[in-house]
Protein backbone atom coordinates (compact mmCIF):
# COMPACT_ATOMS: atom_id res chain seq x y z
CA UNK A 1 0.00 0.00 0.00
CA UNK A 2 1.14 3.53 -0.74
CA UNK A 3 -0.06 6.41 1.37
CA UNK A 4 0.64 10.04 1.97
CA UNK A 5 1.84 12.31 -0.79
CA UNK A 6 2.77 9.46 -3.16
CA UNK A 7 0.48 8.40 -6.01
CA UNK A 8 2.69 5.80 -7.69
CA UNK A 9 5.81 3.79 -6.98
CA UNK A 10 8.18 2.95 -9.81
CA UNK A 11 11.26 0.82 -9.24
CA UNK A 12 14.03 1.52 -11.76
CA UNK A 13 17.38 -0.22 -12.22
CA UNK A 14 19.96 1.72 -14.22
CA UNK A 15 23.60 1.34 -15.17
CA UNK A 16 24.55 4.65 -13.58
CA UNK A 17 23.10 7.74 -11.95
CA UNK A 18 23.64 9.60 -15.24
CA UNK A 19 21.56 6.97 -17.07
CA UNK A 20 18.86 7.26 -14.42
CA UNK A 21 18.85 11.05 -14.73
CA UNK A 22 18.49 10.79 -18.53
CA UNK A 23 15.59 8.38 -18.07
CA UNK A 24 13.79 10.65 -15.60
CA UNK A 25 14.33 13.76 -17.72
CA UNK A 26 12.82 11.88 -20.66
CA UNK A 27 9.75 11.05 -18.59
CA UNK A 28 9.35 14.65 -17.46
CA UNK A 29 9.67 15.96 -21.02
CA UNK A 30 7.27 13.37 -22.48
CA UNK A 31 4.18 15.31 -21.42
CA UNK A 32 2.79 12.52 -19.24
CA UNK A 33 1.52 14.85 -16.53
CA UNK A 34 4.39 14.20 -14.14
CA UNK A 35 4.91 17.42 -12.18
CA UNK A 36 7.54 16.20 -9.74
CA UNK A 37 9.23 13.07 -8.53
CA UNK A 38 11.22 11.89 -5.54
CA UNK A 39 14.15 9.50 -5.75
CA UNK A 40 15.29 7.11 -3.07
CA UNK A 41 18.56 5.34 -3.84
CA UNK A 42 19.12 1.81 -2.55
CA UNK A 43 22.73 1.23 -1.55
CA UNK A 44 22.29 -2.37 -0.43
CA UNK A 45 19.36 -4.76 -0.14
CA UNK A 46 17.79 -5.03 3.30
CA UNK A 47 15.13 -7.57 2.42
CA UNK A 48 15.17 -10.04 -0.43
CA UNK A 49 11.88 -11.01 -2.01
CA UNK A 50 10.82 -12.12 -5.43
CA UNK A 51 7.57 -11.56 -7.28
CA UNK A 52 4.83 -14.15 -7.07
CA UNK A 53 4.72 -16.14 -10.32
CA UNK A 54 1.51 -15.72 -12.32
CA UNK A 55 1.03 -19.50 -12.27
CA UNK A 56 0.52 -19.30 -8.48
CA UNK A 57 -2.37 -16.90 -8.98
CA UNK A 58 -4.06 -19.21 -11.49
CA UNK A 59 -4.04 -22.12 -9.03
CA UNK A 60 -6.27 -20.32 -6.53
C-alpha atoms as a PDB file:
ATOM      1  CA  UNK A   1       0.000   0.000   0.000  1.00  0.00           C
ATOM      2  CA  UNK A   2       1.137   3.526  -0.736  1.00  0.00           C
ATOM      3  CA  UNK A   3      -0.056   6.407   1.372  1.00  0.00           C
ATOM      4  CA  UNK A   4       0.641  10.037   1.969  1.00  0.00           C
ATOM      5  CA  UNK A   5       1.844  12.313  -0.794  1.00  0.00           C
ATOM      6  CA  UNK A   6       2.766   9.457  -3.156  1.00  0.00           C
ATOM      7  CA  UNK A   7       0.478   8.403  -6.011  1.00  0.00           C
ATOM      8  CA  UNK A   8       2.689   5.803  -7.695  1.00  0.00           C
ATOM      9  CA  UNK A   9       5.810   3.794  -6.984  1.00  0.00           C
ATOM     10  CA  UNK A  10       8.180   2.952  -9.805  1.00  0.00           C
ATOM     11  CA  UNK A  11      11.259   0.823  -9.239  1.00  0.00           C
ATOM     12  CA  UNK A  12      14.027   1.515 -11.758  1.00  0.00           C
ATOM     13  CA  UNK A  13      17.380  -0.215 -12.224  1.00  0.00           C
ATOM     14  CA  UNK A  14      19.959   1.716 -14.218  1.00  0.00           C
ATOM     15  CA  UNK A  15      23.603   1.335 -15.165  1.00  0.00           C
ATOM     16  CA  UNK A  16      24.551   4.653 -13.577  1.00  0.00           C
ATOM     17  CA  UNK A  17      23.105   7.741 -11.953  1.00  0.00           C
ATOM     18  CA  UNK A  18      23.639   9.595 -15.244  1.00  0.00           C
ATOM     19  CA  UNK A  19      21.559   6.970 -17.073  1.00  0.00           C
ATOM     20  CA  UNK A  20      18.857   7.259 -14.422  1.00  0.00           C
ATOM     21  CA  UNK A  21      18.847  11.050 -14.731  1.00  0.00           C
ATOM     22  CA  UNK A  22      18.491  10.790 -18.528  1.00  0.00           C
ATOM     23  CA  UNK A  23      15.589   8.377 -18.070  1.00  0.00           C
ATOM     24  CA  UNK A  24      13.790  10.645 -15.603  1.00  0.00           C
ATOM     25  CA  UNK A  25      14.334  13.757 -17.720  1.00  0.00           C
ATOM     26  CA  UNK A  26      12.821  11.877 -20.661  1.00  0.00           C
ATOM     27  CA  UNK A  27       9.746  11.051 -18.586  1.00  0.00           C
ATOM     28  CA  UNK A  28       9.350  14.647 -17.459  1.00  0.00           C
ATOM     29  CA  UNK A  29       9.673  15.959 -21.021  1.00  0.00           C
ATOM     30  CA  UNK A  30       7.270  13.368 -22.484  1.00  0.00           C
ATOM     31  CA  UNK A  31       4.181  15.309 -21.416  1.00  0.00           C
ATOM     32  CA  UNK A  32       2.786  12.516 -19.242  1.00  0.00           C
ATOM     33  CA  UNK A  33       1.517  14.851 -16.529  1.00  0.00           C
ATOM     34  CA  UNK A  34       4.394  14.201 -14.139  1.00  0.00           C
ATOM     35  CA  UNK A  35       4.907  17.418 -12.184  1.00  0.00           C
ATOM     36  CA  UNK A  36       7.542  16.203  -9.740  1.00  0.00           C
ATOM     37  CA  UNK A  37       9.235  13.066  -8.530  1.00  0.00           C
ATOM     38  CA  UNK A  38      11.217  11.890  -5.543  1.00  0.00           C
ATOM     39  CA  UNK A  39      14.153   9.498  -5.749  1.00  0.00           C
ATOM     40  CA  UNK A  40      15.292   7.106  -3.070  1.00  0.00           C
ATOM     41  CA  UNK A  41      18.557   5.343  -3.841  1.00  0.00           C
ATOM     42  CA  UNK A  42      19.120   1.813  -2.552  1.00  0.00           C
ATOM     43  CA  UNK A  43      22.732   1.234  -1.545  1.00  0.00           C
ATOM     44  CA  UNK A  44      22.294  -2.369  -0.431  1.00  0.00           C
ATOM     45  CA  UNK A  45      19.357  -4.765  -0.142  1.00  0.00           C
ATOM     46  CA  UNK A  46      17.786  -5.033   3.296  1.00  0.00           C
ATOM     47  CA  UNK A  47      15.127  -7.572   2.420  1.00  0.00           C
ATOM     48  CA  UNK A  48      15.167 -10.037  -0.433  1.00  0.00           C
ATOM     49  CA  UNK A  49      11.878 -11.006  -2.014  1.00  0.00           C
ATOM     50  CA  UNK A  50      10.819 -12.118  -5.430  1.00  0.00           C
ATOM     51  CA  UNK A  51       7.569 -11.559  -7.279  1.00  0.00           C
ATOM     52  CA  UNK A  52       4.826 -14.150  -7.071  1.00  0.00           C
ATOM     53  CA  UNK A  53       4.724 -16.141 -10.320  1.00  0.00           C
ATOM     54  CA  UNK A  54       1.509 -15.721 -12.320  1.00  0.00           C
ATOM     55  CA  UNK A  55       1.032 -19.498 -12.266  1.00  0.00           C
ATOM     56  CA  UNK A  56       0.521 -19.301  -8.478  1.00  0.00           C
ATOM     57  CA  UNK A  57      -2.374 -16.896  -8.978  1.00  0.00           C
ATOM     58  CA  UNK A  58      -4.060 -19.210 -11.486  1.00  0.00           C
ATOM     59  CA  UNK A  59      -4.039 -22.121  -9.031  1.00  0.00           C
ATOM     60  CA  UNK A  60      -6.267 -20.322  -6.529  1.00  0.00           C
END
